[in-house]
Amino acid sequence: MQYLRNVVTLTLDTRQCNGCGMCVEVCPHGVFVVEDRKARIIDRDACMECGACARNCTSEALSVHAGVGCAAAVLNGMFRGGPPTCDCSANSECHE
């Protein structure tokens, strides 16, 4: 399942990741994989922003503003009269 594209607030700091794999275990949508002892986001748009990964990340390498991406995108699109957008394409925090 995918939600709106390019609106998820999920970020991963691979420098902080210790490769424990907890994100893979708790993510209900298979957003992550661990390769070479580091987590990697393989399907960012499948993230439903539940926050389970960030809450269970022992190295604090993950961040997500639980539940805001899709809702914010829909509202921004409505108010601006265009397609749904989180309006963060220039913001490095919004991308892996």
PDB file of N, CA and C in Angstrom:
ATOM      1  N   MET A   1       0.844  -1.178   0.000  1.00  0.00           N
ATOM      2  CA  MET A   1       0.000   0.000   0.000  1.00  0.00           C
ATOM      3  C   MET A   1       0.884   1.235   0.000  1.00  0.00           C
ATOM      4  N   GLN A   2       0.521   2.217  -0.781  1.00  0.00           N
ATOM      5  CA  GLN A   2       1.241   3.474  -0.771  1.00  0.00           C
ATOM      6  C   GLN A   2       0.266   4.598  -0.483  1.00  0.00           C
ATOM      7  N   TYR A   3       0.783   5.599   0.173  1.00  0.00           N
ATOM      8  CA  TYR A   3       0.001   6.772   0.490  1.00  0.00           C
ATOM      9  C   TYR A   3       0.380   7.843  -0.519  1.00  0.00           C
ATOM     10  N   LEU A   4       0.254   9.086  -0.213  1.00  0.00           N
ATOM     11  CA  LEU A   4       0.671  10.138  -1.140  1.00  0.00           C
ATOM     12  C   LEU A   4       2.180  10.094  -1.312  1.00  0.00           C
ATOM     13  N   ARG A   5       2.642  10.330  -2.518  1.00  0.00           N
ATOM     14  CA  ARG A   5       4.073  10.255  -2.801  1.00  0.00           C
ATOM     15  C   ARG A   5       4.805  11.506  -2.312  1.00  0.00           C
ATOM     16  N   ASN A   6       5.990  11.276  -1.782  1.00  0.00           N
ATOM     17  CA  ASN A   6       6.921  12.346  -1.378  1.00  0.00           C
ATOM     18  C   ASN A   6       6.388  13.287  -0.301  1.00  0.00           C
ATOM     19  N   VAL A   7       5.592  12.783   0.619  1.00  0.00           N
ATOM     20  CA  VAL A   7       5.093  13.634   1.699  1.00  0.00           C
ATOM     21  C   VAL A   7       5.443  13.103   3.092  1.00  0.00           C
ATOM     22  N   VAL A   8       6.026  11.940   3.163  1.00  0.00           N
ATOM     23  CA  VAL A   8       6.311  11.299   4.451  1.00  0.00           C
ATOM     24  C   VAL A   8       7.418  12.053   5.186  1.00  0.00           C
ATOM     25  N   THR A   9       7.261  12.215   6.481  1.00  0.00           N
ATOM     26  CA  THR A   9       8.235  12.936   7.296  1.00  0.00           C
ATOM     27  C   THR A   9       9.354  12.044   7.821  1.00  0.00           C
ATOM     28  N   LEU A  10       9.394  10.802   7.414  1.00  0.00           N
ATOM     29  CA  LEU A  10      10.381   9.833   7.875  1.00  0.00           C
ATOM     30  C   LEU A  10      11.790  10.202   7.427  1.00  0.00           C
ATOM     31  N   THR A  11      12.727  10.209   8.379  1.00  0.00           N
ATOM     32  CA  THR A  11      14.139  10.411   8.048  1.00  0.00           C
ATOM     33  C   THR A  11      14.974   9.347   8.752  1.00  0.00           C
ATOM     34  N   LEU A  12      16.105   9.021   8.146  1.00  0.00           N
ATOM     35  CA  LEU A  12      17.037   8.047   8.690  1.00  0.00           C
ATOM     36  C   LEU A  12      18.434   8.621   8.615  1.00  0.00           C
ATOM     37  N   ASP A  13      19.108   8.665   9.747  1.00  0.00           N
ATOM     38  CA  ASP A  13      20.504   9.095   9.805  1.00  0.00           C
ATOM     39  C   ASP A  13      21.362   7.838   9.857  1.00  0.00           C
ATOM     40  N   THR A  14      21.882   7.425   8.715  1.00  0.00           N
ATOM     41  CA  THR A  14      22.644   6.174   8.645  1.00  0.00           C
ATOM     42  C   THR A  14      23.916   6.226   9.473  1.00  0.00           C
ATOM     43  N   ARG A  15      24.427   7.422   9.755  1.00  0.00           N
ATOM     44  CA  ARG A  15      25.628   7.537  10.601  1.00  0.00           C
ATOM     45  C   ARG A  15      25.336   7.086  12.025  1.00  0.00           C
ATOM     46  N   GLN A  16      24.107   7.271  12.482  1.00  0.00           N
ATOM     47  CA  GLN A  16      23.731   6.876  13.836  1.00  0.00           C
ATOM     48  C   GLN A  16      23.247   5.436  13.927  1.00  0.00           C
ATOM     49  N   CYS A  17      22.851   4.857  12.801  1.00  0.00           N
ATOM     50  CA  CYS A  17      22.269   3.521  12.789  1.00  0.00           C
ATOM     51  C   CYS A  17      23.286   2.475  13.239  1.00  0.00           C
ATOM     52  N   ASN A  18      22.855   1.592  14.159  1.00  0.00           N
ATOM     53  CA  ASN A  18      23.738   0.514  14.623  1.00  0.00           C
ATOM     54  C   ASN A  18      23.382  -0.830  13.994  1.00  0.00           C
ATOM     55  N   GLY A  19      22.409  -0.843  13.086  1.00  0.00           N
ATOM     56  CA  GLY A  19      22.062  -2.051  12.357  1.00  0.00           C
ATOM     57  C   GLY A  19      21.330  -3.111  13.160  1.00  0.00           C
ATOM     58  N   CYS A  20      20.669  -2.722  14.226  1.00  0.00           N
ATOM     59  CA  CYS A  20      19.995  -3.698  15.093  1.00  0.00           C
ATOM     60  C   CYS A  20      18.827  -4.396  14.398  1.00  0.00           C
ATOM     61  N   GLY A  21      18.217  -3.756  13.411  1.00  0.00           N
ATOM     62  CA  GLY A  21      17.116  -4.354  12.672  1.00  0.00           C
ATOM     63  C   GLY A  21      15.753  -4.202  13.318  1.00  0.00           C
ATOM     64  N   MET A  22      15.670  -3.472  14.404  1.00  0.00           N
ATOM     65  CA  MET A  22      14.383  -3.290  15.075  1.00  0.00           C
ATOM     66  C   MET A  22      13.376  -2.590  14.149  1.00  0.00           C
ATOM     67  N   CYS A  23      13.837  -1.655  13.339  1.00  0.00           N
ATOM     68  CA  CYS A  23      12.932  -0.958  12.419  1.00  0.00           C
ATOM     69  C   CYS A  23      12.283  -1.938  11.440  1.00  0.00           C
ATOM     70  N   VAL A  24      13.056  -2.907  10.980  1.00  0.00           N
ATOM     71  CA  VAL A  24      12.531  -3.920  10.063  1.00  0.00           C
ATOM     72  C   VAL A  24      11.453  -4.744  10.767  1.00  0.00           C
ATOM     73  N   GLU A  25      11.700  -5.084  12.023  1.00  0.00           N
ATOM     74  CA  GLU A  25      10.756  -5.911  12.780  1.00  0.00           C
ATOM     75  C   GLU A  25       9.447  -5.203  13.090  1.00  0.00           C
ATOM     76  N   VAL A  26       9.501  -3.915  13.424  1.00  0.00           N
ATOM     77  CA  VAL A  26       8.289  -3.228  13.878  1.00  0.00           C
ATOM     78  C   VAL A  26       7.521  -2.519  12.773  1.00  0.00           C
ATOM     79  N   CYS A  27       8.130  -2.302  11.626  1.00  0.00           N
ATOM     80  CA  CYS A  27       7.448  -1.579  10.542  1.00  0.00           C
ATOM     81  C   CYS A  27       6.377  -2.466   9.912  1.00  0.00           C
ATOM     82  N   PRO A  28       5.115  -2.025   9.937  1.00  0.00           N
ATOM     83  CA  PRO A  28       4.044  -2.848   9.382  1.00  0.00           C
ATOM     84  C   PRO A  28       3.995  -2.850   7.854  1.00  0.00           C
ATOM     85  N   HIS A  29       4.782  -1.992   7.203  1.00  0.00           N
ATOM     86  CA  HIS A  29       4.695  -1.883   5.747  1.00  0.00           C
ATOM     87  C   HIS A  29       5.996  -2.186   5.014  1.00  0.00           C
ATOM     88  N   GLY A  30       6.989  -2.737   5.674  1.00  0.00           N
ATOM     89  CA  GLY A  30       8.224  -3.134   4.994  1.00  0.00           C
ATOM     90  C   GLY A  30       9.000  -1.986   4.394  1.00  0.00           C
ATOM     91  N   VAL A  31       9.070  -0.892   5.115  1.00  0.00           N
ATOM     92  CA  VAL A  31       9.756   0.302   4.619  1.00  0.00           C
ATOM     93  C   VAL A  31      11.277   0.150   4.662  1.00  0.00           C
ATOM     94  N   PHE A  32      11.774  -0.713   5.555  1.00  0.00           N
ATOM     95  CA  PHE A  32      13.217  -0.809   5.797  1.00  0.00           C
ATOM     96  C   PHE A  32      13.805  -2.161   5.422  1.00  0.00           C
ATOM     97  N   VAL A  33      15.101  -2.149   5.224  1.00  0.00           N
ATOM     98  CA  VAL A  33      15.903  -3.356   5.089  1.00  0.00           C
ATOM     99  C   VAL A  33      17.235  -3.044   5.766  1.00  0.00           C
ATOM    100  N   VAL A  34      17.889  -4.072   6.303  1.00  0.00           N
ATOM    101  CA  VAL A  34      19.232  -3.887   6.863  1.00  0.00           C
ATOM    102  C   VAL A  34      20.207  -4.573   5.927  1.00  0.00           C
ATOM    103  N   GLU A  35      21.161  -3.794   5.446  1.00  0.00           N
ATOM    104  CA  GLU A  35      22.218  -4.296   4.575  1.00  0.00           C
ATOM    105  C   GLU A  35      23.548  -3.754   5.066  1.00  0.00           C
ATOM    106  N   ASP A  36      24.550  -4.615   5.086  1.00  0.00           N
ATOM    107  CA  ASP A  36      25.882  -4.198   5.528  1.00  0.00           C
ATOM    108  C   ASP A  36      25.844  -3.516   6.893  1.00  0.00           C
ATOM    109  N   ARG A  37      25.025  -4.079   7.797  1.00  0.00           N
ATOM    110  CA  ARG A  37      24.891  -3.603   9.176  1.00  0.00           C
ATOM    111  C   ARG A  37      24.384  -2.172   9.306  1.00  0.00           C
ATOM    112  N   LYS A  38      23.581  -1.739   8.341  1.00  0.00           N
ATOM    113  CA  LYS A  38      22.938  -0.422   8.394  1.00  0.00           C
ATOM    114  C   LYS A  38      21.529  -0.544   7.836  1.00  0.00           C
ATOM    115  N   ALA A  39      20.605   0.157   8.450  1.00  0.00           N
ATOM    116  CA  ALA A  39      19.238   0.198   7.923  1.00  0.00           C
ATOM    117  C   ALA A  39      19.217   1.085   6.679  1.00  0.00           C
ATOM    118  N   ARG A  40      18.290   0.768   5.805  1.00  0.00           N
ATOM    119  CA  ARG A  40      18.100   1.567   4.603  1.00  0.00           C
ATOM    120  C   ARG A  40      16.607   1.626   4.324  1.00  0.00           C
ATOM    121  N   ILE A  41      16.131   2.778   3.905  1.00  0.00           N
ATOM    122  CA  ILE A  41      14.731   2.946   3.540  1.00  0.00           C
ATOM    123  C   ILE A  41      14.580   2.455   2.106  1.00  0.00           C
ATOM    124  N   ILE A  42      13.706   1.441   1.918  1.00  0.00           N
ATOM    125  CA  ILE A  42      13.528   0.906   0.570  1.00  0.00           C
ATOM    126  C   ILE A  42      12.218   1.348  -0.075  1.00  0.00           C
ATOM    127  N   ASP A  43      11.255   1.776   0.732  1.00  0.00           N
ATOM    128  CA  ASP A  43       9.987   2.237   0.178  1.00  0.00           C
ATOM    129  C   ASP A  43       9.421   3.327   1.080  1.00  0.00           C
ATOM    130  N   ARG A  44       9.997   4.486   0.996  1.00  0.00           N
ATOM    131  CA  ARG A  44       9.631   5.610   1.851  1.00  0.00           C
ATOM    132  C   ARG A  44       8.144   5.958   1.730  1.00  0.00           C
ATOM    133  N   ASP A  45       7.608   5.891   0.528  1.00  0.00           N
ATOM    134  CA  ASP A  45       6.208   6.255   0.315  1.00  0.00           C
ATOM    135  C   ASP A  45       5.226   5.253   0.911  1.00  0.00           C
ATOM    136  N   ALA A  46       5.702   4.081   1.317  1.00  0.00           N
ATOM    137  CA  ALA A  46       4.824   3.097   1.965  1.00  0.00           C
ATOM    138  C   ALA A  46       4.672   3.388   3.458  1.00  0.00           C
ATOM    139  N   CYS A  47       5.442   4.309   3.980  1.00  0.00           N
ATOM    140  CA  CYS A  47       5.383   4.662   5.403  1.00  0.00           C
ATOM    141  C   CYS A  47       4.035   5.293   5.731  1.00  0.00           C
ATOM    142  N   MET A  48       3.389   4.778   6.779  1.00  0.00           N
ATOM    143  CA  MET A  48       2.111   5.338   7.211  1.00  0.00           C
ATOM    144  C   MET A  48       2.283   6.257   8.422  1.00  0.00           C
ATOM    145  N   GLU A  49       3.535   6.553   8.754  1.00  0.00           N
ATOM    146  CA  GLU A  49       3.882   7.473   9.833  1.00  0.00           C
ATOM    147  C   GLU A  49       3.313   7.062  11.184  1.00  0.00           C
ATOM    148  N   CYS A  50       3.340   5.774  11.467  1.00  0.00           N
ATOM    149  CA  CYS A  50       2.844   5.300  12.761  1.00  0.00           C
ATOM    150  C   CYS A  50       3.833   5.623  13.885  1.00  0.00           C
ATOM    151  N   GLY A  51       5.109   5.762  13.548  1.00  0.00           N
ATOM    152  CA  GLY A  51       6.124   6.111  14.536  1.00  0.00           C
ATOM    153  C   GLY A  51       6.765   4.934  15.241  1.00  0.00           C
ATOM    154  N   ALA A  52       6.351   3.711  14.921  1.00  0.00           N
ATOM    155  CA  ALA A  52       6.903   2.533  15.599  1.00  0.00           C
ATOM    156  C   ALA A  52       8.411   2.427  15.416  1.00  0.00           C
ATOM    157  N   CYS A  53       8.899   2.725  14.238  1.00  0.00           N
ATOM    158  CA  CYS A  53      10.341   2.609  13.981  1.00  0.00           C
ATOM    159  C   CYS A  53      11.130   3.564  14.862  1.00  0.00           C
ATOM    160  N   ALA A  54      10.722   4.815  14.905  1.00  0.00           N
ATOM    161  CA  ALA A  54      11.443   5.816  15.695  1.00  0.00           C
ATOM    162  C   ALA A  54      11.368   5.518  17.191  1.00  0.00           C
ATOM    163  N   ARG A  55      10.204   5.075  17.656  1.00  0.00           N
ATOM    164  CA  ARG A  55      10.055   4.766  19.080  1.00  0.00           C
ATOM    165  C   ARG A  55      10.896   3.571  19.502  1.00  0.00           C
ATOM    166  N   ASN A  56      11.191   2.675  18.564  1.00  0.00           N
ATOM    167  CA  ASN A  56      11.942   1.467  18.894  1.00  0.00           C
ATOM    168  C   ASN A  56      13.396   1.521  18.450  1.00  0.00           C
ATOM    169  N   CYS A  57      13.842   2.606  17.872  1.00  0.00           N
ATOM    170  CA  CYS A  57      15.222   2.736  17.396  1.00  0.00           C
ATOM    171  C   CYS A  57      16.144   3.025  18.582  1.00  0.00           C
ATOM    172  N   THR A  58      17.008   2.069  18.896  1.00  0.00           N
ATOM    173  CA  THR A  58      17.885   2.202  20.064  1.00  0.00           C
ATOM    174  C   THR A  58      18.982   3.235  19.868  1.00  0.00           C
ATOM    175  N   SER A  59      19.285   3.575  18.616  1.00  0.00           N
ATOM    176  CA  SER A  59      20.361   4.537  18.357  1.00  0.00           C
ATOM    177  C   SER A  59      19.834   5.913  17.952  1.00  0.00           C
ATOM    178  N   GLU A  60      18.516   6.099  18.001  1.00  0.00           N
ATOM    179  CA  GLU A  60      17.867   7.364  17.644  1.00  0.00           C
ATOM    180  C   GLU A  60      18.245   7.830  16.239  1.00  0.00           C
ATOM    181  N   ALA A  61      18.372   6.874  15.326  1.00  0.00           N
ATOM    182  CA  ALA A  61      18.714   7.181  13.937  1.00  0.00           C
ATOM    183  C   ALA A  61      17.485   7.519  13.099  1.00  0.00           C
ATOM    184  N   LEU A  62      16.303   7.218  13.626  1.00  0.00           N
ATOM    185  CA  LEU A  62      15.072   7.443  12.879  1.00  0.00           C
ATOM    186  C   LEU A  62      14.238   8.549  13.495  1.00  0.00           C
ATOM    187  N   SER A  63      13.579   9.286  12.625  1.00  0.00           N
ATOM    188  CA  SER A  63      12.689  10.345  13.066  1.00  0.00           C
ATOM    189  C   SER A  63      11.473  10.353  12.158  1.00  0.00           C
ATOM    190  N   VAL A  64      10.320  10.527  12.743  1.00  0.00           N
ATOM    191  CA  VAL A  64       9.086  10.666  11.974  1.00  0.00           C
ATOM    192  C   VAL A  64       8.104  11.467  12.817  1.00  0.00           C
ATOM    193  N   HIS A  65       7.424  12.384  12.175  1.00  0.00           N
ATOM    194  CA  HIS A  65       6.370  13.139  12.852  1.00  0.00           C
ATOM    195  C   HIS A  65       5.094  12.343  12.627  1.00  0.00           C
ATOM    196  N   ALA A  66       4.794  11.501  13.574  1.00  0.00           N
ATOM    197  CA  ALA A  66       3.720  10.519  13.422  1.00  0.00           C
ATOM    198  C   ALA A  66       2.426  11.141  12.927  1.00  0.00           C
ATOM    199  N   GLY A  67       1.972  10.644  11.778  1.00  0.00           N
ATOM    200  CA  GLY A  67       0.668  10.986  11.239  1.00  0.00           C
ATOM    201  C   GLY A  67       0.505  12.330  10.577  1.00  0.00           C
ATOM    202  N   VAL A  68       1.575  13.041  10.237  1.00  0.00           N
ATOM    203  CA  VAL A  68       1.371  14.378   9.690  1.00  0.00           C
ATOM    204  C   VAL A  68       1.555  14.493   8.185  1.00  0.00           C
ATOM    205  N   GLY A  69       2.345  13.667   7.560  1.00  0.00           N
ATOM    206  CA  GLY A  69       2.702  13.820   6.149  1.00  0.00           C
ATOM    207  C   GLY A  69       1.533  13.853   5.202  1.00  0.00           C
ATOM    208  N   CYS A  70       0.753  12.795   5.159  1.00  0.00           N
ATOM    209  CA  CYS A  70      -0.373  12.734   4.219  1.00  0.00           C
ATOM    210  C   CYS A  70      -1.421  13.791   4.538  1.00  0.00           C
ATOM    211  N   ALA A  71      -1.733  13.961   5.802  1.00  0.00           N
ATOM    212  CA  ALA A  71      -2.739  14.956   6.172  1.00  0.00           C
ATOM    213  C   ALA A  71      -2.280  16.359   5.790  1.00  0.00           C
ATOM    214  N   ALA A  72      -1.024  16.681   6.083  1.00  0.00           N
ATOM    215  CA  ALA A  72      -0.495  18.001   5.736  1.00  0.00           C
ATOM    216  C   ALA A  72      -0.492  18.196   4.227  1.00  0.00           C
ATOM    217  N   ALA A  73      -0.145  17.160   3.483  1.00  0.00           N
ATOM    218  CA  ALA A  73      -0.110  17.255   2.024  1.00  0.00           C
ATOM    219  C   ALA A  73      -1.487  17.540   1.449  1.00  0.00           C
ATOM    220  N   VAL A  74      -2.485  16.827   1.929  1.00  0.00           N
ATOM    221  CA  VAL A  74      -3.848  17.025   1.439  1.00  0.00           C
ATOM    222  C   VAL A  74      -4.318  18.447   1.746  1.00  0.00           C
ATOM    223  N   LEU A  75      -4.083  18.908   2.963  1.00  0.00           N
ATOM    224  CA  LEU A  75      -4.509  20.265   3.333  1.00  0.00           C
ATOM    225  C   LEU A  75      -3.779  21.326   2.530  1.00  0.00           C
ATOM    226  N   ASN A  76      -2.448  21.172   2.351  1.00  0.00           N
ATOM    227  CA  ASN A  76      -1.695  22.139   1.554  1.00  0.00           C
ATOM    228  C   ASN A  76      -2.222  22.192   0.126  1.00  0.00           C
ATOM    229  N   GLY A  77      -2.508  21.038  -0.451  1.00  0.00           N
ATOM    230  CA  GLY A  77      -3.053  21.001  -1.805  1.00  0.00           C
ATOM    231  C   GLY A  77      -4.405  21.678  -1.895  1.00  0.00           C
ATOM    232  N   MET A  78      -5.237  21.434  -0.894  1.00  0.00           N
ATOM    233  CA  MET A  78      -6.566  22.047  -0.876  1.00  0.00           C
ATOM    234  C   MET A  78      -6.469  23.568  -0.810  1.00  0.00           C
ATOM    235  N   PHE A  79      -5.660  24.055   0.123  1.00  0.00           N
ATOM    236  CA  PHE A  79      -5.560  25.498   0.318  1.00  0.00           C
ATOM    237  C   PHE A  79      -4.885  26.204  -0.849  1.00  0.00           C
ATOM    238  N   ARG A  80      -3.969  25.537  -1.495  1.00  0.00           N
ATOM    239  CA  ARG A  80      -3.237  26.157  -2.603  1.00  0.00           C
ATOM    240  C   ARG A  80      -3.866  25.871  -3.952  1.00  0.00           C
ATOM    241  N   GLY A  81      -4.873  25.017  -3.968  1.00  0.00           N
ATOM    242  CA  GLY A  81      -5.557  24.708  -5.210  1.00  0.00           C
ATOM    243  C   GLY A  81      -4.721  23.881  -6.170  1.00  0.00           C
ATOM    244  N   GLY A  82      -3.897  23.005  -5.638  1.00  0.00           N
ATOM    245  CA  GLY A  82      -3.056  22.167  -6.492  1.00  0.00           C
ATOM    246  C   GLY A  82      -3.021  20.742  -5.980  1.00  0.00           C
ATOM    247  N   PRO A  83      -2.060  19.986  -6.465  1.00  0.00           N
ATOM    248  CA  PRO A  83      -1.952  18.594  -6.022  1.00  0.00           C
ATOM    249  C   PRO A  83      -1.465  18.528  -4.571  1.00  0.00           C
ATOM    250  N   PRO A  84      -1.709  17.427  -3.899  1.00  0.00           N
ATOM    251  CA  PRO A  84      -1.218  17.270  -2.526  1.00  0.00           C
ATOM    252  C   PRO A  84       0.303  17.402  -2.474  1.00  0.00           C
ATOM    253  N   THR A  85       0.789  18.191  -1.555  1.00  0.00           N
ATOM    254  CA  THR A  85       2.225  18.358  -1.373  1.00  0.00           C
ATOM    255  C   THR A  85       2.520  18.713   0.068  1.00  0.00           C
ATOM    256  N   CYS A  86       3.613  18.169   0.594  1.00  0.00           N
ATOM    257  CA  CYS A  86       3.991  18.531   1.963  1.00  0.00           C
ATOM    258  C   CYS A  86       4.785  19.817   1.959  1.00  0.00           C
ATOM    259  N   ASP A  87       5.086  20.343   0.766  1.00  0.00           N
ATOM    260  CA  ASP A  87       5.777  21.613   0.598  1.00  0.00           C
ATOM    261  C   ASP A  87       7.158  21.597   1.227  1.00  0.00           C
ATOM    262  N   CYS A  88       7.813  20.456   1.185  1.00  0.00           N
ATOM    263  CA  CYS A  88       9.125  20.369   1.805  1.00  0.00           C
ATOM    264  C   CYS A  88      10.195  19.880   0.832  1.00  0.00           C
ATOM    265  N   SER A  89       9.947  19.974  -0.455  1.00  0.00           N
ATOM    266  CA  SER A  89      10.896  19.433  -1.439  1.00  0.00           C
ATOM    267  C   SER A  89      12.275  20.073  -1.318  1.00  0.00           C
ATOM    268  N   ALA A  90      12.355  21.283  -0.818  1.00  0.00           N
ATOM    269  CA  ALA A  90      13.655  21.943  -0.654  1.00  0.00           C
ATOM    270  C   ALA A  90      14.249  21.688   0.727  1.00  0.00           C
ATOM    271  N   ASN A  91      13.499  21.013   1.593  1.00  0.00           N
ATOM    272  CA  ASN A  91      13.934  20.787   2.960  1.00  0.00           C
ATOM    273  C   ASN A  91      14.583  19.427   3.066  1.00  0.00           C
ATOM    274  N   SER A  92      15.865  19.382   3.397  1.00  0.00           N
ATOM    275  CA  SER A  92      16.598  18.112   3.457  1.00  0.00           C
ATOM    276  C   SER A  92      16.071  17.200   4.544  1.00  0.00           C
ATOM    277  N   GLU A  93      15.372  17.706   5.552  1.00  0.00           N
ATOM    278  CA  GLU A  93      14.825  16.862   6.614  1.00  0.00           C
ATOM    279  C   GLU A  93      13.775  15.906   6.087  1.00  0.00           C
ATOM    280  N   CYS A  94      13.147  16.252   4.987  1.00  0.00           N
ATOM    281  CA  CYS A  94      12.058  15.437   4.466  1.00  0.00           C
ATOM    282  C   CYS A  94      12.541  14.330   3.557  1.00  0.00           C
ATOM    283  N   HIS A  95      13.803  14.183   3.370  1.00  0.00           N
ATOM    284  CA  HIS A  95      14.305  13.169   2.451  1.00  0.00           C
ATOM    285  C   HIS A  95      15.364  12.320   3.128  1.00  0.00           C
ATOM    286  N   GLU A  96      15.462  11.105   2.666  1.00  0.00           N
ATOM    287  CA  GLU A  96      16.421  10.124   3.199  1.00  0.00           C
ATOM    288  C   GLU A  96      17.824  10.659   3.075  1.00  0.00           C
TER     289      GLU A  96
END
